[in-house]
Amino acid sequence: MKIFIATDVEGVMGVVTREYSFPTRPKYGAARKWLTAELNAAIEGARKAGGTEFVVLDSHGYCTNVIPEELDEDALLITGMPGMTTIAALQGIDASYDAAGFIGYHAREGSEIAVLDHTAYAETVAAVYINDKLVGEDGLVGGFLGYYGVPVVFAAGDQAFEEQIKELVPNIAFARTKTAISRYSAINPHPKRAAAMIREAVEDGVSRKDEIEPIVFSSPITLKVVFHKPVMAQLAEWVPGVEKVDARVLSFTHDDYKVVHGAFSAMAALSGEVRRMN
C-alpha cells in the first residue's frame, strides 16, 4: 500500500510565529525537528495499517524543511522548489497512491482563531473559492489528489484547520497538534504526545481508506480568487481565460481541475509581481 504525505510547517506542534517558519529565523531549526518527528509518527501509523511505501512531499517555503537523516529510512523524500509553492505543493502526485494525508497544515486565510492562517500565497491572495465553496490549501491540494482518485484520509494541525478539512472530508482521521488561541499563540502538547496522536490518527485513517471519498469538485469547475488589492488582480488578469468579477476578484472556469489549478498558480505568480513595485 502506497501512502503520500504532504507537509507544511505552520500546523506543526510548537510553531506559533514566523520565527519558526523561515530559514533565516532563529527558531527554524526547532520547527524542522518537530516536523520530521511528526512525519516519522505518521509513517509509523501508516505502516501499522498496512502501508508499505511512503512518499513525503516537503512543500513549505523553499521545500527543504524535513531533516533527511532523521526521517524514517523507508520513506522517499521529495524536496526542493521548482518554482512557486502552489506548484511545489503538487510534486509527485499521481494515481499510484492508495491514500494521502496532510501533516503540519494550517487554516485558510481569514480564519478567526488559527495559527498563521493563510492561503497559498499570503502576500496577495485573500480568499479562494471553488464552485462557490471557500477553500484553503487543503482544498487546493486535496482537489489535485482527488483528480487522481486518491483520498485524503488523515491530517494534523490546529482546531481551525480540523474544522475546515472536515468540511471537505467529514470522516477524516485528525490529530489536533495544538489549539490556537490567536494567530500567534496556541496551547501545545508535548512533542511526544503530538507524535502519539498523529500515529493513532494515521493508523485509523489508512485502515479506513476505502470508506473515505476523494476530494472531487464537480465539473464545470469555477475558481474565484479574491486578492488583497486591486493592483494584484490587475496583474493576475493577464492569465488567459480569466474573467474580472470586480476590482479585487477574478474567476476562471474549466472542466479539468488540473487546468484550473494551473490557472490559479499563474494568477498567484503574476499577482506577486507587485512586490517589485514596493
Protein backbone atom coordinates (compact mmCIF):
# COMPACT_ATOMS: atom_id res chain seq x y z
CA MET A 1 0.00 0.00 0.00
CA LYS A 2 1.48 3.33 -1.12
CA ILE A 3 0.95 6.43 1.04
CA PHE A 4 1.52 10.09 0.09
CA ILE A 5 2.21 12.57 2.89
CA ALA A 6 2.10 16.28 2.07
CA THR A 7 3.69 18.64 4.58
CA ASP A 8 3.60 22.22 5.74
CA VAL A 9 5.09 23.86 8.82
CA GLU A 10 2.53 26.23 10.34
CA GLY A 11 0.42 23.38 11.71
CA VAL A 12 3.28 21.59 13.45
CA MET A 13 3.19 21.40 17.26
CA GLY A 14 5.03 24.36 18.81
CA VAL A 15 5.11 26.53 15.69
CA VAL A 16 3.27 29.75 16.54
CA THR A 17 5.11 32.64 14.84
CA ARG A 18 7.14 33.27 11.70
CA GLU A 19 10.27 32.89 13.82
CA TYR A 20 9.80 29.15 13.25
CA SER A 21 8.96 29.11 9.55
CA PHE A 22 11.81 30.86 7.71
CA PRO A 23 15.37 29.52 7.31
CA THR A 24 16.84 32.86 8.40
CA ARG A 25 14.87 32.96 11.67
CA PRO A 26 16.33 31.67 14.96
CA LYS A 27 13.69 29.07 15.81
CA TYR A 28 13.55 27.44 12.36
CA GLY A 29 15.81 24.55 13.44
CA ALA A 30 13.34 23.54 16.14
CA ALA A 31 10.44 23.54 13.67
CA ARG A 32 12.39 21.28 11.31
CA LYS A 33 12.98 18.73 14.09
CA TRP A 34 9.34 18.79 15.21
CA LEU A 35 8.09 18.41 11.64
CA THR A 36 10.38 15.46 10.96
CA ALA A 37 9.30 13.77 14.20
CA GLU A 38 5.62 14.21 13.25
CA LEU A 39 6.33 12.69 9.84
CA ASN A 40 8.02 9.69 11.42
CA ALA A 41 4.96 9.20 13.63
CA ALA A 42 2.71 9.38 10.56
CA ILE A 43 4.80 6.80 8.73
CA GLU A 44 4.74 4.51 11.75
CA GLY A 45 0.95 4.79 11.92
CA ALA A 46 0.57 4.12 8.21
CA ARG A 47 2.86 1.11 8.49
CA LYS A 48 0.71 -0.32 11.28
CA ALA A 49 -2.30 -0.03 8.98
CA GLY A 50 -0.58 -1.94 6.19
CA GLY A 51 1.38 0.77 4.41
CA THR A 52 4.47 -0.47 2.60
CA GLU A 53 5.59 2.56 0.57
CA PHE A 54 5.79 6.10 1.91
CA VAL A 55 6.44 9.26 -0.07
CA VAL A 56 6.88 12.54 1.82
CA LEU A 57 6.46 15.84 -0.01
CA ASP A 58 8.29 18.77 1.57
CA SER A 59 6.16 21.71 0.42
CA HIS A 60 6.66 24.68 2.73
CA GLY A 61 8.63 27.73 1.63
CA TYR A 62 11.76 26.62 -0.18
CA CYS A 63 10.73 22.97 0.36
CA THR A 64 13.85 21.98 2.26
CA ASN A 65 12.41 21.74 5.77
CA VAL A 66 12.45 17.99 6.50
CA ILE A 67 15.71 16.71 8.00
CA PRO A 68 16.63 13.81 5.66
CA GLU A 69 18.94 11.94 8.01
CA GLU A 70 16.29 11.93 10.74
CA LEU A 71 13.40 10.82 8.51
CA ASP A 72 12.24 7.19 8.59
CA GLU A 73 14.56 5.14 6.37
CA ASP A 74 11.64 3.58 4.49
CA ALA A 75 10.40 6.95 3.23
CA LEU A 76 11.17 8.63 -0.07
CA LEU A 77 11.50 12.41 0.27
CA ILE A 78 10.53 14.89 -2.43
CA THR A 79 12.40 18.08 -1.67
CA GLY A 80 13.28 21.29 -3.49
CA MET A 81 11.27 24.03 -5.13
CA PRO A 82 10.52 24.00 -8.90
CA GLY A 83 9.04 27.48 -8.85
CA MET A 84 6.39 28.91 -6.53
CA THR A 85 4.93 26.81 -3.74
CA THR A 86 1.50 26.50 -5.38
CA ILE A 87 3.24 24.23 -7.88
CA ALA A 88 5.72 22.69 -5.44
CA ALA A 89 2.78 21.55 -3.30
CA LEU A 90 1.70 19.18 -6.09
CA GLN A 91 5.01 17.44 -6.82
CA GLY A 92 4.84 13.66 -7.02
CA ILE A 93 1.05 13.38 -7.00
CA ASP A 94 -0.30 10.75 -9.38
CA ALA A 95 -2.71 7.81 -9.42
CA SER A 96 -0.24 5.31 -7.94
CA TYR A 97 -1.16 6.13 -4.32
CA ASP A 98 -3.72 4.31 -2.21
CA ALA A 99 -4.18 7.12 0.31
CA ALA A 100 -2.79 10.50 1.32
CA GLY A 101 -2.64 12.87 4.27
CA PHE A 102 -1.56 16.31 5.46
CA ILE A 103 0.97 16.88 8.25
CA GLY A 104 1.67 20.41 9.53
CA TYR A 105 -1.14 22.01 7.52
CA HIS A 106 -2.95 25.17 8.63
CA ALA A 107 -6.27 27.02 8.32
CA ARG A 108 -7.16 29.24 5.39
CA GLU A 109 -6.66 33.00 5.21
CA GLY A 110 -9.13 34.97 7.31
CA SER A 111 -9.83 32.31 9.92
CA GLU A 112 -10.83 33.99 13.16
CA ILE A 113 -8.72 31.94 15.58
CA ALA A 114 -6.00 29.95 13.83
CA VAL A 115 -2.22 29.83 13.95
CA LEU A 116 -0.57 31.58 10.97
CA ASP A 117 -3.62 31.22 8.72
CA HIS A 118 -3.12 31.95 5.01
CA THR A 119 -3.99 30.52 1.62
CA ALA A 120 -1.15 29.53 -0.72
CA TYR A 121 0.27 32.96 -1.48
CA ALA A 122 -0.26 35.05 1.64
CA GLU A 123 1.14 38.28 0.24
CA THR A 124 -1.59 38.66 -2.37
CA VAL A 125 -4.35 36.03 -2.01
CA ALA A 126 -7.15 36.92 0.41
CA ALA A 127 -9.54 34.05 -0.39
CA VAL A 128 -10.10 31.19 -2.82
CA TYR A 129 -13.47 29.69 -3.78
CA ILE A 130 -14.01 26.54 -5.82
CA ASN A 131 -17.58 26.12 -7.05
CA ASP A 132 -18.54 28.84 -4.54
CA LYS A 133 -17.00 26.90 -1.64
CA LEU A 134 -14.36 28.74 0.39
CA VAL A 135 -11.22 26.56 0.50
CA GLY A 136 -7.69 26.68 1.82
CA GLU A 137 -4.58 24.80 0.83
CA ASP A 138 -6.26 21.58 1.95
CA GLY A 139 -8.88 22.04 -0.77
CA LEU A 140 -6.41 23.16 -3.43
CA VAL A 141 -4.03 20.24 -2.89
CA GLY A 142 -6.78 17.80 -1.92
CA GLY A 143 -8.57 18.54 -5.18
CA PHE A 144 -5.43 17.63 -7.09
CA LEU A 145 -5.18 14.34 -5.19
CA GLY A 146 -8.87 13.77 -5.89
CA TYR A 147 -8.25 14.38 -9.59
CA TYR A 148 -6.21 11.16 -9.48
CA GLY A 149 -8.71 9.35 -7.26
CA VAL A 150 -6.53 9.49 -4.13
CA PRO A 151 -8.44 10.07 -0.86
CA VAL A 152 -7.10 12.31 1.92
CA VAL A 153 -7.57 10.05 4.95
CA PHE A 154 -5.60 11.77 7.73
CA ALA A 155 -4.47 15.25 8.72
CA ALA A 156 -2.87 17.12 11.62
CA GLY A 157 -2.92 20.75 12.75
CA ASP A 158 -4.92 23.15 14.91
CA GLN A 159 -8.66 23.20 15.64
CA ALA A 160 -9.48 25.70 12.86
CA PHE A 161 -7.82 23.51 10.27
CA GLU A 162 -9.62 20.48 11.73
CA GLU A 163 -13.00 22.17 11.23
CA GLN A 164 -12.13 23.20 7.67
CA ILE A 165 -10.75 19.88 6.43
CA LYS A 166 -13.81 18.12 7.86
CA GLU A 167 -15.98 20.34 5.65
CA LEU A 168 -14.30 18.57 2.73
CA VAL A 169 -13.76 15.12 4.29
CA PRO A 170 -16.24 14.59 7.15
CA ASN A 171 -14.87 11.20 8.21
CA ILE A 172 -11.16 12.03 8.01
CA ALA A 173 -8.90 10.92 10.88
CA PHE A 174 -7.47 14.03 12.55
CA ALA A 175 -4.74 14.71 15.13
CA ARG A 176 -5.04 18.08 16.84
CA THR A 177 -1.40 19.01 17.38
CA LYS A 178 -2.30 22.33 19.02
CA THR A 179 -5.22 24.55 19.93
CA ALA A 180 -4.91 28.08 18.62
CA ILE A 181 -5.53 30.98 20.98
CA SER A 182 -4.68 33.64 18.39
CA ARG A 183 -2.77 33.93 15.14
CA TYR A 184 0.49 33.87 17.10
CA SER A 185 -0.22 31.65 20.11
CA ALA A 186 -1.52 28.18 20.93
CA ILE A 187 -1.84 25.54 23.60
CA ASN A 188 0.63 22.80 22.63
CA PRO A 189 1.01 19.20 23.81
CA HIS A 190 4.43 17.71 24.46
CA PRO A 191 6.11 16.70 21.16
CA LYS A 192 5.91 13.03 22.11
CA ARG A 193 2.21 13.39 22.85
CA ALA A 194 1.64 15.10 19.50
CA ALA A 195 3.51 12.27 17.77
CA ALA A 196 1.37 9.68 19.54
CA MET A 197 -1.83 11.41 18.42
CA ILE A 198 -0.59 11.52 14.83
CA ARG A 199 0.44 7.87 14.91
CA GLU A 200 -3.03 6.84 16.12
CA ALA A 201 -4.90 9.08 13.66
CA VAL A 202 -2.89 7.94 10.66
CA GLU A 203 -3.32 4.28 11.53
CA ASP A 204 -7.07 4.88 11.81
CA GLY A 205 -7.34 6.86 8.58
CA VAL A 206 -5.29 4.49 6.46
CA SER A 207 -7.17 1.47 7.82
CA ARG A 208 -10.44 3.16 6.72
CA LYS A 209 -9.20 4.41 3.34
CA ASP A 210 -11.90 2.55 1.41
CA GLU A 211 -14.61 4.36 3.40
CA ILE A 212 -13.24 7.87 2.68
CA GLU A 213 -14.14 9.62 -0.57
CA PRO A 214 -11.53 11.65 -2.50
CA ILE A 215 -11.97 15.43 -2.66
CA VAL A 216 -13.57 15.97 -6.06
CA PHE A 217 -15.07 19.19 -7.40
CA SER A 218 -17.89 18.71 -9.88
CA SER A 219 -17.47 19.94 -13.44
CA PRO A 220 -17.55 22.62 -14.72
CA ILE A 221 -15.17 23.87 -12.04
CA THR A 222 -15.24 27.59 -11.28
CA LEU A 223 -12.34 29.10 -9.39
CA LYS A 224 -12.77 32.52 -7.79
CA VAL A 225 -9.76 34.32 -6.31
CA VAL A 226 -10.03 37.37 -4.07
CA PHE A 227 -6.87 39.50 -3.91
CA HIS A 228 -5.84 41.88 -1.16
CA LYS A 229 -5.54 44.88 -3.52
CA PRO A 230 -6.94 45.78 -6.95
CA VAL A 231 -3.46 46.08 -8.49
CA MET A 232 -2.82 42.42 -7.68
CA ALA A 233 -5.97 41.39 -9.55
CA GLN A 234 -4.99 43.64 -12.44
CA LEU A 235 -1.70 41.78 -12.80
CA ALA A 236 -3.37 38.34 -12.48
CA GLU A 237 -5.98 39.24 -15.08
CA TRP A 238 -3.40 38.64 -17.82
CA VAL A 239 -3.87 34.87 -17.42
CA PRO A 240 -5.82 33.61 -20.49
CA GLY A 241 -9.42 32.70 -19.73
CA VAL A 242 -9.64 34.76 -16.55
CA GLU A 243 -12.70 36.95 -16.07
CA LYS A 244 -12.96 40.03 -13.89
CA VAL A 245 -15.72 39.91 -11.26
CA ASP A 246 -14.85 43.17 -9.54
CA ALA A 247 -11.78 45.22 -8.63
CA ARG A 248 -10.26 42.52 -6.42
CA VAL A 249 -11.94 39.33 -7.66
CA LEU A 250 -11.18 37.17 -10.70
CA SER A 251 -12.78 33.93 -11.87
CA PHE A 252 -11.76 31.05 -14.12
CA THR A 253 -13.87 28.09 -15.29
CA HIS A 254 -12.81 24.80 -16.88
CA ASP A 255 -13.84 21.13 -16.83
CA ASP A 256 -10.35 19.90 -15.88
CA TYR A 257 -9.15 20.51 -12.30
CA LYS A 258 -5.53 20.36 -13.44
CA VAL A 259 -6.15 23.29 -15.76
CA VAL A 260 -7.98 25.16 -13.01
CA HIS A 261 -5.11 24.74 -10.56
CA GLY A 262 -2.66 25.79 -13.24
CA ALA A 263 -4.65 28.98 -13.77
CA PHE A 264 -4.61 29.64 -10.02
CA SER A 265 -0.83 29.18 -9.86
CA ALA A 266 -0.34 31.55 -12.78
CA MET A 267 -2.65 34.13 -11.23
CA ALA A 268 -0.84 33.93 -7.90
CA ALA A 269 2.56 34.24 -9.59
CA LEU A 270 1.57 37.30 -11.59
CA SER A 271 -0.07 38.98 -8.60
CA GLY A 272 3.19 38.55 -6.71
CA GLU A 273 4.96 40.84 -9.17
CA VAL A 274 3.55 43.72 -7.13
CA ARG A 275 6.44 43.11 -4.73
CA ARG A 276 8.83 44.50 -7.33
CA MET A 277 6.98 47.80 -7.16
CA ASN A 278 7.15 48.22 -3.37
